[in-house]
Amino acid sequence: MNKSILLTCFGIFSNILFSQVGVQTANPLGNFHVDGKKDNPKTGNTVSLVQEQNDFIITKDAKVGIRNISPNQMLDVNGKTQ
């Protein structure tokens, strides 16, 4: 009995710890992913350059990408500043 409760709790908490949050996307590609124009595909992990231009992402290793879904630095901004 205790073993089944422990396994159930582990299953619930592991799902919470490794979950991803998507805003205007059903397919988040990082821990936190915002799709500005809601134009990313609903499945898969490929996003075109045009679709990527309105995205914001925070990856599992705490890198932030603006207009870039695969940041290489702690803050990676792709595009012109205004």
C-alpha atoms as a PDB file:
ATOM      1  CA  MET A   1       0.000   0.000   0.000  1.00  0.00           C
ATOM      2  CA  ASN A   2       2.721   2.484   0.954  1.00  0.00           C
ATOM      3  CA  LYS A   3       4.674   1.542  -2.157  1.00  0.00           C
ATOM      4  CA  SER A   4       1.734   2.343  -4.449  1.00  0.00           C
ATOM      5  CA  ILE A   5       1.150   5.707  -2.740  1.00  0.00           C
ATOM      6  CA  LEU A   6       4.832   6.538  -3.067  1.00  0.00           C
ATOM      7  CA  LEU A   7       4.850   5.613  -6.776  1.00  0.00           C
ATOM      8  CA  THR A   8       1.714   7.664  -7.403  1.00  0.00           C
ATOM      9  CA  CYS A   9       3.207  10.723  -5.680  1.00  0.00           C
ATOM     10  CA  PHE A  10       6.453  10.302  -7.617  1.00  0.00           C
ATOM     11  CA  GLY A  11       4.516  10.146 -10.895  1.00  0.00           C
ATOM     12  CA  ILE A  12       2.558  13.298 -10.118  1.00  0.00           C
ATOM     13  CA  PHE A  13       5.559  15.321  -8.933  1.00  0.00           C
ATOM     14  CA  SER A  14       7.831  14.215 -11.778  1.00  0.00           C
ATOM     15  CA  ASN A  15       5.213  15.417 -14.266  1.00  0.00           C
ATOM     16  CA  ILE A  16       5.041  18.787 -12.539  1.00  0.00           C
ATOM     17  CA  LEU A  17       8.825  19.195 -12.376  1.00  0.00           C
ATOM     18  CA  PHE A  18       9.358  18.482 -16.062  1.00  0.00           C
ATOM     19  CA  SER A  19       6.339  20.287 -17.466  1.00  0.00           C
ATOM     20  CA  GLN A  20       6.464  23.021 -20.079  1.00  0.00           C
ATOM     21  CA  VAL A  21       4.286  26.108 -20.332  1.00  0.00           C
ATOM     22  CA  GLY A  22       3.175  27.512 -23.662  1.00  0.00           C
ATOM     23  CA  VAL A  23       1.390  30.797 -24.219  1.00  0.00           C
ATOM     24  CA  GLN A  24      -0.575  30.837 -27.487  1.00  0.00           C
ATOM     25  CA  THR A  25       1.034  27.522 -28.456  1.00  0.00           C
ATOM     26  CA  ALA A  26      -0.042  23.941 -27.887  1.00  0.00           C
ATOM     27  CA  ASN A  27       3.508  22.755 -28.556  1.00  0.00           C
ATOM     28  CA  PRO A  28       5.977  24.569 -26.255  1.00  0.00           C
ATOM     29  CA  LEU A  29       9.606  24.029 -27.281  1.00  0.00           C
ATOM     30  CA  GLY A  30      11.119  25.116 -23.947  1.00  0.00           C
ATOM     31  CA  ASN A  31      10.179  25.432 -20.294  1.00  0.00           C
ATOM     32  CA  PHE A  32       8.352  28.682 -21.078  1.00  0.00           C
ATOM     33  CA  HIS A  33       7.461  29.502 -24.678  1.00  0.00           C
ATOM     34  CA  VAL A  34       5.394  32.424 -25.960  1.00  0.00           C
ATOM     35  CA  ASP A  35       4.251  32.443 -29.593  1.00  0.00           C
ATOM     36  CA  GLY A  36       3.350  36.069 -30.312  1.00  0.00           C
ATOM     37  CA  LYS A  37       1.258  35.520 -33.437  1.00  0.00           C
ATOM     38  CA  LYS A  38       0.060  31.979 -32.650  1.00  0.00           C
ATOM     39  CA  ASP A  39       1.551  30.756 -35.926  1.00  0.00           C
ATOM     40  CA  ASN A  40       3.782  27.866 -34.775  1.00  0.00           C
ATOM     41  CA  PRO A  41       2.907  24.279 -35.760  1.00  0.00           C
ATOM     42  CA  LYS A  42       0.784  22.268 -33.338  1.00  0.00           C
ATOM     43  CA  THR A  43       3.154  19.273 -33.476  1.00  0.00           C
ATOM     44  CA  GLY A  44       6.844  18.661 -34.076  1.00  0.00           C
ATOM     45  CA  ASN A  45       9.827  20.734 -33.076  1.00  0.00           C
ATOM     46  CA  THR A  46      10.553  22.699 -36.241  1.00  0.00           C
ATOM     47  CA  VAL A  47       9.661  26.359 -36.567  1.00  0.00           C
ATOM     48  CA  SER A  48      10.396  28.423 -39.659  1.00  0.00           C
ATOM     49  CA  LEU A  49      12.453  31.615 -39.460  1.00  0.00           C
ATOM     50  CA  VAL A  50       9.322  33.697 -40.086  1.00  0.00           C
ATOM     51  CA  GLN A  51       7.441  31.949 -37.274  1.00  0.00           C
ATOM     52  CA  GLU A  52      10.427  32.318 -34.941  1.00  0.00           C
ATOM     53  CA  GLN A  53      10.501  36.126 -35.313  1.00  0.00           C
ATOM     54  CA  ASN A  54       7.628  36.599 -32.850  1.00  0.00           C
ATOM     55  CA  ASP A  55       8.640  34.019 -30.227  1.00  0.00           C
ATOM     56  CA  PHE A  56      10.060  34.294 -26.715  1.00  0.00           C
ATOM     57  CA  ILE A  57      11.517  31.235 -24.969  1.00  0.00           C
ATOM     58  CA  ILE A  58      13.198  30.192 -21.729  1.00  0.00           C
ATOM     59  CA  THR A  59      15.039  26.891 -22.033  1.00  0.00           C
ATOM     60  CA  LYS A  60      15.616  24.219 -19.391  1.00  0.00           C
ATOM     61  CA  ASP A  61      19.143  25.543 -18.806  1.00  0.00           C
ATOM     62  CA  ALA A  62      17.806  29.082 -18.091  1.00  0.00           C
ATOM     63  CA  LYS A  63      18.763  30.640 -21.422  1.00  0.00           C
ATOM     64  CA  VAL A  64      16.409  33.299 -22.782  1.00  0.00           C
ATOM     65  CA  GLY A  65      15.733  33.707 -26.483  1.00  0.00           C
ATOM     66  CA  ILE A  66      13.904  36.625 -28.038  1.00  0.00           C
ATOM     67  CA  ARG A  67      13.044  36.056 -31.709  1.00  0.00           C
ATOM     68  CA  ASN A  68      15.221  32.954 -31.333  1.00  0.00           C
ATOM     69  CA  ILE A  69      13.971  29.571 -30.063  1.00  0.00           C
ATOM     70  CA  SER A  70      17.431  28.023 -29.608  1.00  0.00           C
ATOM     71  CA  PRO A  71      19.478  30.557 -27.623  1.00  0.00           C
ATOM     72  CA  ASN A  72      23.232  29.958 -27.295  1.00  0.00           C
ATOM     73  CA  GLN A  73      23.841  32.520 -24.542  1.00  0.00           C
ATOM     74  CA  MET A  74      22.080  33.495 -21.333  1.00  0.00           C
ATOM     75  CA  LEU A  75      20.253  36.224 -23.311  1.00  0.00           C
ATOM     76  CA  ASP A  76      20.140  35.750 -27.068  1.00  0.00           C
ATOM     77  CA  VAL A  77      18.244  38.379 -29.055  1.00  0.00           C
ATOM     78  CA  ASN A  78      17.869  37.926 -32.800  1.00  0.00           C
ATOM     79  CA  GLY A  79      16.977  40.982 -34.846  1.00  0.00           C
ATOM     80  CA  LYS A  80      17.284  44.710 -34.899  1.00  0.00           C
ATOM     81  CA  THR A  81      16.857  46.800 -31.796  1.00  0.00           C
ATOM     82  CA  GLN A  82      14.560  49.785 -31.999  1.00  0.00           C
END
